[in-house]
């Protein structure tokens, strides 16, 4: 049995990203509402820097781990290509995209 304060905590990236989004929007609203002068602008740098650093720290691993299974590679648009009535130049790009993503042609 665990004592007080020893519980495992799972931190979800989505929750952290949403809190960061709200913090960034509040920071932007305050910045626009207060309209700081040139002498006050350096005071805003730590807040903007932390929001940006958090966005990069949570966004970069998220981007590297996607697509998750079944999210993009199995979609009908990538598997079957565009409809037959699509313009020829639209159909020409899909084989290259399928080859880039490693989706085999039927």
PDB file of N, CA and C in Angstrom:
ATOM      1  N   UNK A   1       0.841  -1.176   0.000  1.00  0.00           N
ATOM      2  CA  UNK A   1       0.000   0.000   0.000  1.00  0.00           C
ATOM      3  C   UNK A   1       0.887   1.241   0.000  1.00  0.00           C
ATOM      4  N   UNK A   2       0.457   2.203  -0.731  1.00  0.00           N
ATOM      5  CA  UNK A   2       1.268   3.410  -0.845  1.00  0.00           C
ATOM      6  C   UNK A   2       0.869   4.428   0.211  1.00  0.00           C
ATOM      7  N   UNK A   3       1.855   5.187   0.597  1.00  0.00           N
ATOM      8  CA  UNK A   3       1.589   6.240   1.572  1.00  0.00           C
ATOM      9  C   UNK A   3       1.082   7.501   0.892  1.00  0.00           C
ATOM     10  N   UNK A   4       0.870   8.499   1.677  1.00  0.00           N
ATOM     11  CA  UNK A   4       0.368   9.771   1.183  1.00  0.00           C
ATOM     12  C   UNK A   4       1.378  10.409   0.232  1.00  0.00           C
ATOM     13  N   UNK A   5       0.933  10.791  -0.928  1.00  0.00           N
ATOM     14  CA  UNK A   5       1.799  11.471  -1.880  1.00  0.00           C
ATOM     15  C   UNK A   5       2.625  10.545  -2.756  1.00  0.00           C
ATOM     16  N   UNK A   6       2.406   9.248  -2.688  1.00  0.00           N
ATOM     17  CA  UNK A   6       3.187   8.310  -3.472  1.00  0.00           C
ATOM     18  C   UNK A   6       2.402   7.671  -4.607  1.00  0.00           C
ATOM     19  N   UNK A   7       1.271   8.222  -4.952  1.00  0.00           N
ATOM     20  CA  UNK A   7       0.447   7.650  -6.015  1.00  0.00           C
ATOM     21  C   UNK A   7       1.060   7.958  -7.375  1.00  0.00           C
ATOM     22  N   UNK A   8       0.885   7.008  -8.296  1.00  0.00           N
ATOM     23  CA  UNK A   8       1.346   7.243  -9.652  1.00  0.00           C
ATOM     24  C   UNK A   8       0.377   8.190 -10.344  1.00  0.00           C
ATOM     25  N   UNK A   9       0.931   9.135 -11.084  1.00  0.00           N
ATOM     26  CA  UNK A   9       0.105  10.108 -11.775  1.00  0.00           C
ATOM     27  C   UNK A   9       0.408  10.008 -13.260  1.00  0.00           C
ATOM     28  N   UNK A  10      -0.644   9.824 -14.047  1.00  0.00           N
ATOM     29  CA  UNK A  10      -0.496   9.786 -15.485  1.00  0.00           C
ATOM     30  C   UNK A  10      -0.829  11.166 -16.030  1.00  0.00           C
ATOM     31  N   UNK A  11       0.143  11.806 -16.668  1.00  0.00           N
ATOM     32  CA  UNK A  11      -0.064  13.127 -17.240  1.00  0.00           C
ATOM     33  C   UNK A  11      -0.344  12.944 -18.728  1.00  0.00           C
ATOM     34  N   UNK A  12      -1.527  13.325 -19.133  1.00  0.00           N
ATOM     35  CA  UNK A  12      -1.939  13.193 -20.515  1.00  0.00           C
ATOM     36  C   UNK A  12      -1.462  14.406 -21.309  1.00  0.00           C
ATOM     37  N   UNK A  13      -0.841  14.157 -22.471  1.00  0.00           N
ATOM     38  CA  UNK A  13      -0.363  15.259 -23.304  1.00  0.00           C
ATOM     39  C   UNK A  13      -1.506  16.177 -23.720  1.00  0.00           C
ATOM     40  N   UNK A  14      -2.650  15.609 -24.001  1.00  0.00           N
ATOM     41  CA  UNK A  14      -3.768  16.429 -24.449  1.00  0.00           C
ATOM     42  C   UNK A  14      -4.195  17.418 -23.369  1.00  0.00           C
ATOM     43  N   UNK A  15      -4.241  16.969 -22.135  1.00  0.00           N
ATOM     44  CA  UNK A  15      -4.583  17.876 -21.041  1.00  0.00           C
ATOM     45  C   UNK A  15      -3.571  18.992 -20.878  1.00  0.00           C
ATOM     46  N   UNK A  16      -2.304  18.645 -20.952  1.00  0.00           N
ATOM     47  CA  UNK A  16      -1.253  19.651 -20.839  1.00  0.00           C
ATOM     48  C   UNK A  16      -1.326  20.630 -22.011  1.00  0.00           C
ATOM     49  N   UNK A  17      -1.588  20.116 -23.200  1.00  0.00           N
ATOM     50  CA  UNK A  17      -1.674  20.988 -24.369  1.00  0.00           C
ATOM     51  C   UNK A  17      -2.881  21.920 -24.277  1.00  0.00           C
ATOM     52  N   UNK A  18      -3.998  21.434 -23.761  1.00  0.00           N
ATOM     53  CA  UNK A  18      -5.180  22.282 -23.613  1.00  0.00           C
ATOM     54  C   UNK A  18      -4.963  23.364 -22.556  1.00  0.00           C
ATOM     55  N   UNK A  19      -4.345  23.017 -21.443  1.00  0.00           N
ATOM     56  CA  UNK A  19      -4.029  24.017 -20.427  1.00  0.00           C
ATOM     57  C   UNK A  19      -3.064  25.048 -20.999  1.00  0.00           C
ATOM     58  N   UNK A  20      -2.104  24.604 -21.776  1.00  0.00           N
ATOM     59  CA  UNK A  20      -1.153  25.513 -22.405  1.00  0.00           C
ATOM     60  C   UNK A  20      -1.855  26.433 -23.407  1.00  0.00           C
ATOM     61  N   UNK A  21      -2.815  25.886 -24.145  1.00  0.00           N
ATOM     62  CA  UNK A  21      -3.577  26.697 -25.089  1.00  0.00           C
ATOM     63  C   UNK A  21      -4.349  27.792 -24.369  1.00  0.00           C
ATOM     64  N   UNK A  22      -4.995  27.437 -23.279  1.00  0.00           N
ATOM     65  CA  UNK A  22      -5.749  28.428 -22.508  1.00  0.00           C
ATOM     66  C   UNK A  22      -4.791  29.479 -21.929  1.00  0.00           C
ATOM     67  N   UNK A  23      -3.652  29.045 -21.413  1.00  0.00           N
ATOM     68  CA  UNK A  23      -2.675  29.995 -20.867  1.00  0.00           C
ATOM     69  C   UNK A  23      -2.183  30.952 -21.953  1.00  0.00           C
ATOM     70  N   UNK A  24      -1.931  30.423 -23.142  1.00  0.00           N
ATOM     71  CA  UNK A  24      -1.495  31.280 -24.238  1.00  0.00           C
ATOM     72  C   UNK A  24      -2.557  32.263 -24.673  1.00  0.00           C
ATOM     73  N   UNK A  25      -3.819  31.816 -24.711  1.00  0.00           N
ATOM     74  CA  UNK A  25      -4.907  32.717 -25.086  1.00  0.00           C
ATOM     75  C   UNK A  25      -5.137  33.791 -24.033  1.00  0.00           C
ATOM     76  N   UNK A  26      -5.049  33.429 -22.756  1.00  0.00           N
ATOM     77  CA  UNK A  26      -5.190  34.421 -21.681  1.00  0.00           C
ATOM     78  C   UNK A  26      -4.038  35.417 -21.745  1.00  0.00           C
ATOM     79  N   UNK A  27      -2.841  34.920 -21.974  1.00  0.00           N
ATOM     80  CA  UNK A  27      -1.683  35.808 -22.096  1.00  0.00           C
ATOM     81  C   UNK A  27      -1.852  36.759 -23.274  1.00  0.00           C
ATOM     82  N   UNK A  28      -2.329  36.248 -24.401  1.00  0.00           N
ATOM     83  CA  UNK A  28      -2.565  37.095 -25.570  1.00  0.00           C
ATOM     84  C   UNK A  28      -3.648  38.130 -25.300  1.00  0.00           C
ATOM     85  N   UNK A  29      -4.736  37.716 -24.653  1.00  0.00           N
ATOM     86  CA  UNK A  29      -5.820  38.654 -24.345  1.00  0.00           C
ATOM     87  C   UNK A  29      -5.340  39.758 -23.402  1.00  0.00           C
ATOM     88  N   UNK A  30      -4.554  39.390 -22.409  1.00  0.00           N
ATOM     89  CA  UNK A  30      -4.008  40.403 -21.502  1.00  0.00           C
ATOM     90  C   UNK A  30      -3.050  41.342 -22.229  1.00  0.00           C
ATOM     91  N   UNK A  31      -2.238  40.789 -23.100  1.00  0.00           N
ATOM     92  CA  UNK A  31      -1.277  41.612 -23.841  1.00  0.00           C
ATOM     93  C   UNK A  31      -2.000  42.609 -24.750  1.00  0.00           C
ATOM     94  N   UNK A  32      -3.023  42.119 -25.449  1.00  0.00           N
ATOM     95  CA  UNK A  32      -3.776  42.995 -26.348  1.00  0.00           C
ATOM     96  C   UNK A  32      -4.588  44.002 -25.545  1.00  0.00           C
ATOM     97  N   UNK A  33      -5.162  43.560 -24.428  1.00  0.00           N
ATOM     98  CA  UNK A  33      -5.980  44.451 -23.614  1.00  0.00           C
ATOM     99  C   UNK A  33      -5.179  45.529 -22.908  1.00  0.00           C
ATOM    100  N   UNK A  34      -4.003  45.182 -22.425  1.00  0.00           N
ATOM    101  CA  UNK A  34      -3.192  46.143 -21.687  1.00  0.00           C
ATOM    102  C   UNK A  34      -2.342  47.038 -22.585  1.00  0.00           C
ATOM    103  N   UNK A  35      -2.047  46.573 -23.776  1.00  0.00           N
ATOM    104  CA  UNK A  35      -1.215  47.316 -24.738  1.00  0.00           C
ATOM    105  C   UNK A  35       0.049  47.884 -24.081  1.00  0.00           C
ATOM    106  N   UNK A  36       0.973  47.019 -23.720  1.00  0.00           N
ATOM    107  CA  UNK A  36       2.173  47.505 -23.024  1.00  0.00           C
ATOM    108  C   UNK A  36       3.053  48.352 -23.949  1.00  0.00           C
ATOM    109  N   UNK A  37       3.704  49.296 -23.344  1.00  0.00           N
ATOM    110  CA  UNK A  37       4.624  50.143 -24.091  1.00  0.00           C
ATOM    111  C   UNK A  37       5.935  49.420 -24.337  1.00  0.00           C
ATOM    112  N   UNK A  38       6.834  50.066 -25.066  1.00  0.00           N
ATOM    113  CA  UNK A  38       8.125  49.419 -25.376  1.00  0.00           C
ATOM    114  C   UNK A  38       8.939  49.070 -24.137  1.00  0.00           C
ATOM    115  N   UNK A  39       8.800  49.837 -23.065  1.00  0.00           N
ATOM    116  CA  UNK A  39       9.578  49.547 -21.861  1.00  0.00           C
ATOM    117  C   UNK A  39       9.007  48.362 -21.082  1.00  0.00           C
ATOM    118  N   UNK A  40       7.728  48.038 -21.287  1.00  0.00           N
ATOM    119  CA  UNK A  40       7.099  46.929 -20.571  1.00  0.00           C
ATOM    120  C   UNK A  40       7.127  45.612 -21.347  1.00  0.00           C
ATOM    121  N   UNK A  41       7.450  45.660 -22.606  1.00  0.00           N
ATOM    122  CA  UNK A  41       7.396  44.441 -23.422  1.00  0.00           C
ATOM    123  C   UNK A  41       8.358  43.349 -22.971  1.00  0.00           C
ATOM    124  N   UNK A  42       9.580  43.650 -22.507  1.00  0.00           N
ATOM    125  CA  UNK A  42      10.451  42.555 -22.043  1.00  0.00           C
ATOM    126  C   UNK A  42       9.888  41.774 -20.863  1.00  0.00           C
ATOM    127  N   UNK A  43       8.972  42.365 -20.116  1.00  0.00           N
ATOM    128  CA  UNK A  43       8.365  41.656 -18.985  1.00  0.00           C
ATOM    129  C   UNK A  43       7.456  40.522 -19.448  1.00  0.00           C
ATOM    130  N   UNK A  44       6.993  40.568 -20.682  1.00  0.00           N
ATOM    131  CA  UNK A  44       6.102  39.546 -21.221  1.00  0.00           C
ATOM    132  C   UNK A  44       6.882  38.355 -21.795  1.00  0.00           C
ATOM    133  N   UNK A  45       8.161  38.502 -21.999  1.00  0.00           N
ATOM    134  CA  UNK A  45       8.969  37.455 -22.640  1.00  0.00           C
ATOM    135  C   UNK A  45       8.967  36.129 -21.872  1.00  0.00           C
ATOM    136  N   UNK A  46       9.103  36.107 -20.542  1.00  0.00           N
ATOM    137  CA  UNK A  46       9.086  34.799 -19.862  1.00  0.00           C
ATOM    138  C   UNK A  46       7.771  34.044 -20.042  1.00  0.00           C
ATOM    139  N   UNK A  47       6.648  34.744 -19.986  1.00  0.00           N
ATOM    140  CA  UNK A  47       5.352  34.080 -20.163  1.00  0.00           C
ATOM    141  C   UNK A  47       5.189  33.516 -21.557  1.00  0.00           C
ATOM    142  N   UNK A  48       5.534  34.317 -22.561  1.00  0.00           N
ATOM    143  CA  UNK A  48       5.437  33.851 -23.946  1.00  0.00           C
ATOM    144  C   UNK A  48       6.434  32.720 -24.183  1.00  0.00           C
ATOM    145  N   UNK A  49       7.614  32.828 -23.598  1.00  0.00           N
ATOM    146  CA  UNK A  49       8.628  31.781 -23.756  1.00  0.00           C
ATOM    147  C   UNK A  49       8.204  30.464 -23.133  1.00  0.00           C
ATOM    148  N   UNK A  50       7.576  30.512 -21.965  1.00  0.00           N
ATOM    149  CA  UNK A  50       7.135  29.277 -21.309  1.00  0.00           C
ATOM    150  C   UNK A  50       5.989  28.622 -22.070  1.00  0.00           C
ATOM    151  N   UNK A  51       5.066  29.439 -22.586  1.00  0.00           N
ATOM    152  CA  UNK A  51       3.972  28.869 -23.377  1.00  0.00           C
ATOM    153  C   UNK A  51       4.542  28.221 -24.643  1.00  0.00           C
ATOM    154  N   UNK A  52       5.478  28.903 -25.282  1.00  0.00           N
ATOM    155  CA  UNK A  52       6.093  28.348 -26.492  1.00  0.00           C
ATOM    156  C   UNK A  52       6.907  27.097 -26.210  1.00  0.00           C
ATOM    157  N   UNK A  53       7.668  27.107 -25.127  1.00  0.00           N
ATOM    158  CA  UNK A  53       8.479  25.938 -24.773  1.00  0.00           C
ATOM    159  C   UNK A  53       7.595  24.738 -24.433  1.00  0.00           C
ATOM    160  N   UNK A  54       6.507  24.994 -23.722  1.00  0.00           N
ATOM    161  CA  UNK A  54       5.576  23.908 -23.401  1.00  0.00           C
ATOM    162  C   UNK A  54       4.924  23.358 -24.667  1.00  0.00           C
ATOM    163  N   UNK A  55       4.573  24.258 -25.597  1.00  0.00           N
ATOM    164  CA  UNK A  55       3.966  23.812 -26.852  1.00  0.00           C
ATOM    165  C   UNK A  55       4.935  22.942 -27.651  1.00  0.00           C
ATOM    166  N   UNK A  56       6.196  23.325 -27.684  1.00  0.00           N
ATOM    167  CA  UNK A  56       7.190  22.530 -28.413  1.00  0.00           C
ATOM    168  C   UNK A  56       7.463  21.215 -27.687  1.00  0.00           C
ATOM    169  N   UNK A  57       7.559  21.268 -26.362  1.00  0.00           N
ATOM    170  CA  UNK A  57       7.877  20.058 -25.586  1.00  0.00           C
ATOM    171  C   UNK A  57       6.765  19.015 -25.661  1.00  0.00           C
ATOM    172  N   UNK A  58       5.517  19.447 -25.771  1.00  0.00           N
ATOM    173  CA  UNK A  58       4.426  18.480 -25.867  1.00  0.00           C
ATOM    174  C   UNK A  58       4.054  18.188 -27.318  1.00  0.00           C
ATOM    175  N   UNK A  59       4.232  19.158 -28.188  1.00  0.00           N
ATOM    176  CA  UNK A  59       3.835  18.982 -29.584  1.00  0.00           C
ATOM    177  C   UNK A  59       4.797  18.136 -30.387  1.00  0.00           C
ATOM    178  N   UNK A  60       6.084  18.281 -30.142  1.00  0.00           N
ATOM    179  CA  UNK A  60       7.074  17.540 -30.925  1.00  0.00           C
ATOM    180  C   UNK A  60       6.950  16.021 -30.733  1.00  0.00           C
ATOM    181  N   UNK A  61       6.867  15.522 -29.500  1.00  0.00           N
ATOM    182  CA  UNK A  61       6.656  14.072 -29.365  1.00  0.00           C
ATOM    183  C   UNK A  61       5.324  13.611 -29.949  1.00  0.00           C
ATOM    184  N   UNK A  62       4.299  14.462 -29.854  1.00  0.00           N
ATOM    185  CA  UNK A  62       2.996  14.091 -30.401  1.00  0.00           C
ATOM    186  C   UNK A  62       3.080  13.950 -31.917  1.00  0.00           C
ATOM    187  N   UNK A  63       3.772  14.861 -32.555  1.00  0.00           N
ATOM    188  CA  UNK A  63       3.912  14.804 -34.012  1.00  0.00           C
ATOM    189  C   UNK A  63       4.752  13.600 -34.426  1.00  0.00           C
ATOM    190  N   UNK A  64       5.779  13.267 -33.662  1.00  0.00           N
ATOM    191  CA  UNK A  64       6.641  12.147 -34.008  1.00  0.00           C
ATOM    192  C   UNK A  64       5.947  10.804 -33.819  1.00  0.00           C
ATOM    193  N   UNK A  65       4.957  10.739 -32.943  1.00  0.00           N
ATOM    194  CA  UNK A  65       4.269   9.478 -32.678  1.00  0.00           C
ATOM    195  C   UNK A  65       3.083   9.254 -33.595  1.00  0.00           C
ATOM    196  N   UNK A  66       2.644  10.226 -34.333  1.00  0.00           N
ATOM    197  CA  UNK A  66       1.506  10.069 -35.233  1.00  0.00           C
ATOM    198  C   UNK A  66       1.992   9.659 -36.595  1.00  0.00           C
ATOM    199  N   UNK A  67       1.253   9.035 -37.455  1.00  0.00           N
ATOM    200  CA  UNK A  67      -0.143   8.697 -37.245  1.00  0.00           C
ATOM    201  C   UNK A  67      -0.274   7.439 -36.410  1.00  0.00           C
ATOM    202  N   UNK A  68      -1.264   7.428 -35.588  1.00  0.00           N
ATOM    203  CA  UNK A  68      -1.559   6.243 -34.802  1.00  0.00           C
ATOM    204  C   UNK A  68      -2.189   5.201 -35.714  1.00  0.00           C
ATOM    205  N   UNK A  69      -2.183   3.966 -35.309  1.00  0.00           N
ATOM    206  CA  UNK A  69      -2.721   2.904 -36.143  1.00  0.00           C
ATOM    207  C   UNK A  69      -4.153   3.153 -36.556  1.00  0.00           C
ATOM    208  N   UNK A  70      -4.405   3.125 -37.850  1.00  0.00           N
ATOM    209  CA  UNK A  70      -5.748   3.300 -38.372  1.00  0.00           C
ATOM    210  C   UNK A  70      -6.178   4.737 -38.543  1.00  0.00           C
ATOM    211  N   UNK A  71      -5.330   5.700 -38.216  1.00  0.00           N
ATOM    212  CA  UNK A  71      -5.788   7.080 -38.296  1.00  0.00           C
ATOM    213  C   UNK A  71      -5.618   7.667 -39.691  1.00  0.00           C
ATOM    214  N   UNK A  72      -4.552   7.353 -40.389  1.00  0.00           N
ATOM    215  CA  UNK A  72      -4.352   7.964 -41.689  1.00  0.00           C
ATOM    216  C   UNK A  72      -4.027   6.963 -42.781  1.00  0.00           C
ATOM    217  N   UNK A  73      -3.202   5.990 -42.453  1.00  0.00           N
ATOM    218  CA  UNK A  73      -2.766   5.048 -43.478  1.00  0.00           C
ATOM    219  C   UNK A  73      -3.895   4.146 -43.952  1.00  0.00           C
ATOM    220  N   UNK A  74      -4.912   3.966 -43.126  1.00  0.00           N
ATOM    221  CA  UNK A  74      -6.013   3.107 -43.523  1.00  0.00           C
ATOM    222  C   UNK A  74      -7.208   3.858 -44.063  1.00  0.00           C
ATOM    223  N   UNK A  75      -7.071   5.163 -44.252  1.00  0.00           N
ATOM    224  CA  UNK A  75      -8.223   5.930 -44.718  1.00  0.00           C
ATOM    225  C   UNK A  75      -8.518   5.609 -46.180  1.00  0.00           C
ATOM    226  N   UNK A  76      -9.776   5.651 -46.582  1.00  0.00           N
ATOM    227  CA  UNK A  76     -10.132   5.333 -47.964  1.00  0.00           C
ATOM    228  C   UNK A  76      -9.470   6.270 -48.982  1.00  0.00           C
ATOM    229  N   UNK A  77      -9.248   7.523 -48.620  1.00  0.00           N
ATOM    230  CA  UNK A  77      -8.638   8.456 -49.573  1.00  0.00           C
ATOM    231  C   UNK A  77      -7.211   8.048 -49.913  1.00  0.00           C
ATOM    232  N   UNK A  78      -6.462   7.556 -48.931  1.00  0.00           N
ATOM    233  CA  UNK A  78      -5.089   7.131 -49.209  1.00  0.00           C
ATOM    234  C   UNK A  78      -5.047   5.732 -49.819  1.00  0.00           C
ATOM    235  N   UNK A  79      -5.984   4.897 -49.409  1.00  0.00           N
ATOM    236  CA  UNK A  79      -5.979   3.525 -49.899  1.00  0.00           C
ATOM    237  C   UNK A  79      -6.486   3.439 -51.340  1.00  0.00           C
ATOM    238  N   UNK A  80      -7.587   4.107 -51.636  1.00  0.00           N
ATOM    239  CA  UNK A  80      -8.220   3.977 -52.942  1.00  0.00           C
ATOM    240  C   UNK A  80      -7.882   5.101 -53.904  1.00  0.00           C
ATOM    241  N   UNK A  81      -7.329   6.187 -53.407  1.00  0.00           N
ATOM    242  CA  UNK A  81      -7.048   7.327 -54.273  1.00  0.00           C
ATOM    243  C   UNK A  81      -8.282   8.178 -54.466  1.00  0.00           C
ATOM    244  N   UNK A  82      -8.177   9.218 -55.250  1.00  0.00           N
ATOM    245  CA  UNK A  82      -9.328  10.093 -55.462  1.00  0.00           C
ATOM    246  C   UNK A  82     -10.379   9.409 -56.330  1.00  0.00           C
ATOM    247  N   UNK A  83     -11.592   9.944 -56.363  1.00  0.00           N
ATOM    248  CA  UNK A  83     -12.625   9.354 -57.223  1.00  0.00           C
ATOM    249  C   UNK A  83     -12.222   9.401 -58.688  1.00  0.00           C
ATOM    250  N   UNK A  84     -12.790   8.515 -59.467  1.00  0.00           N
ATOM    251  CA  UNK A  84     -12.435   8.434 -60.891  1.00  0.00           C
ATOM    252  C   UNK A  84     -12.792   9.699 -61.654  1.00  0.00           C
ATOM    253  N   UNK A  85     -13.805  10.432 -61.192  1.00  0.00           N
ATOM    254  CA  UNK A  85     -14.199  11.646 -61.902  1.00  0.00           C
ATOM    255  C   UNK A  85     -13.331  12.850 -61.543  1.00  0.00           C
ATOM    256  N   UNK A  86     -12.315  12.664 -60.668  1.00  0.00           N
ATOM    257  CA  UNK A  86     -11.441  13.772 -60.287  1.00  0.00           C
ATOM    258  C   UNK A  86     -10.552  14.174 -61.467  1.00  0.00           C
ATOM    259  N   UNK A  87     -10.034  15.352 -61.376  1.00  0.00           N
ATOM    260  CA  UNK A  87      -9.156  15.861 -62.427  1.00  0.00           C
ATOM    261  C   UNK A  87      -7.901  14.993 -62.516  1.00  0.00           C
ATOM    262  N   UNK A  88      -7.309  14.860 -63.712  1.00  0.00           N
ATOM    263  CA  UNK A  88      -6.115  14.019 -63.861  1.00  0.00           C
ATOM    264  C   UNK A  88      -4.951  14.470 -62.981  1.00  0.00           C
ATOM    265  N   UNK A  89      -4.793  15.778 -62.801  1.00  0.00           N
ATOM    266  CA  UNK A  89      -3.670  16.229 -61.970  1.00  0.00           C
ATOM    267  C   UNK A  89      -3.900  15.858 -60.499  1.00  0.00           C
ATOM    268  N   UNK A  90      -5.159  15.717 -60.070  1.00  0.00           N
ATOM    269  CA  UNK A  90      -5.430  15.298 -58.697  1.00  0.00           C
ATOM    270  C   UNK A  90      -5.081  13.826 -58.505  1.00  0.00           C
ATOM    271  N   UNK A  91      -5.357  13.000 -59.508  1.00  0.00           N
ATOM    272  CA  UNK A  91      -5.030  11.580 -59.397  1.00  0.00           C
ATOM    273  C   UNK A  91      -3.536  11.340 -59.469  1.00  0.00           C
ATOM    274  N   UNK A  92      -2.800  12.238 -60.126  1.00  0.00           N
ATOM    275  CA  UNK A  92      -1.360  12.024 -60.308  1.00  0.00           C
ATOM    276  C   UNK A  92      -0.590  12.123 -58.995  1.00  0.00           C
ATOM    277  N   UNK A  93      -1.060  12.923 -58.037  1.00  0.00           N
ATOM    278  CA  UNK A  93      -0.322  13.119 -56.794  1.00  0.00           C
ATOM    279  C   UNK A  93      -0.476  11.988 -55.793  1.00  0.00           C
ATOM    280  N   UNK A  94      -1.556  11.247 -55.867  1.00  0.00           N
ATOM    281  CA  UNK A  94      -1.805  10.226 -54.866  1.00  0.00           C
ATOM    282  C   UNK A  94      -0.834   9.046 -54.917  1.00  0.00           C
ATOM    283  N   UNK A  95      -0.404   8.580 -56.088  1.00  0.00           N
ATOM    284  CA  UNK A  95       0.568   7.478 -56.048  1.00  0.00           C
ATOM    285  C   UNK A  95       1.858   7.868 -55.339  1.00  0.00           C
ATOM    286  N   UNK A  96       2.281   9.093 -55.515  1.00  0.00           N
ATOM    287  CA  UNK A  96       3.492   9.538 -54.829  1.00  0.00           C
ATOM    288  C   UNK A  96       3.266   9.626 -53.327  1.00  0.00           C
ATOM    289  N   UNK A  97       2.094  10.107 -52.941  1.00  0.00           N
ATOM    290  CA  UNK A  97       1.774  10.175 -51.517  1.00  0.00           C
ATOM    291  C   UNK A  97       1.677   8.790 -50.915  1.00  0.00           C
ATOM    292  N   UNK A  98       1.041   7.854 -51.630  1.00  0.00           N
ATOM    293  CA  UNK A  98       0.958   6.491 -51.106  1.00  0.00           C
ATOM    294  C   UNK A  98       2.344   5.864 -50.995  1.00  0.00           C
ATOM    295  N   UNK A  99       3.207   6.120 -51.961  1.00  0.00           N
ATOM    296  CA  UNK A  99       4.575   5.577 -51.892  1.00  0.00           C
ATOM    297  C   UNK A  99       5.336   6.199 -50.735  1.00  0.00           C
ATOM    298  N   UNK A 100       5.142   7.512 -50.497  1.00  0.00           N
ATOM    299  CA  UNK A 100       5.824   8.189 -49.413  1.00  0.00           C
ATOM    300  C   UNK A 100       5.390   7.642 -48.055  1.00  0.00           C
ATOM    301  N   UNK A 101       4.092   7.349 -47.922  1.00  0.00           N
ATOM    302  CA  UNK A 101       3.565   6.820 -46.672  1.00  0.00           C
ATOM    303  C   UNK A 101       3.687   5.310 -46.548  1.00  0.00           C
ATOM    304  N   UNK A 102       4.119   4.662 -47.604  1.00  0.00           N
ATOM    305  CA  UNK A 102       4.308   3.224 -47.557  1.00  0.00           C
ATOM    306  C   UNK A 102       3.032   2.428 -47.726  1.00  0.00           C
ATOM    307  N   UNK A 103       2.001   3.033 -48.310  1.00  0.00           N
ATOM    308  CA  UNK A 103       0.741   2.334 -48.551  1.00  0.00           C
ATOM    309  C   UNK A 103       0.831   1.659 -49.903  1.00  0.00           C
ATOM    310  N   UNK A 104       0.596   0.377 -49.940  1.00  0.00           N
ATOM    311  CA  UNK A 104       0.710  -0.363 -51.216  1.00  0.00           C
ATOM    312  C   UNK A 104      -0.511  -0.125 -52.082  1.00  0.00           C
ATOM    313  N   UNK A 105      -0.280  -0.087 -53.367  1.00  0.00           N
ATOM    314  CA  UNK A 105      -1.378   0.074 -54.309  1.00  0.00           C
ATOM    315  C   UNK A 105      -2.159  -1.229 -54.436  1.00  0.00           C
ATOM    316  N   UNK A 106      -3.472  -1.139 -54.637  1.00  0.00           N
ATOM    317  CA  UNK A 106      -4.265  -2.371 -54.728  1.00  0.00           C
ATOM    318  C   UNK A 106      -3.966  -3.143 -56.007  1.00  0.00           C
TER     319      UNK A 106
END
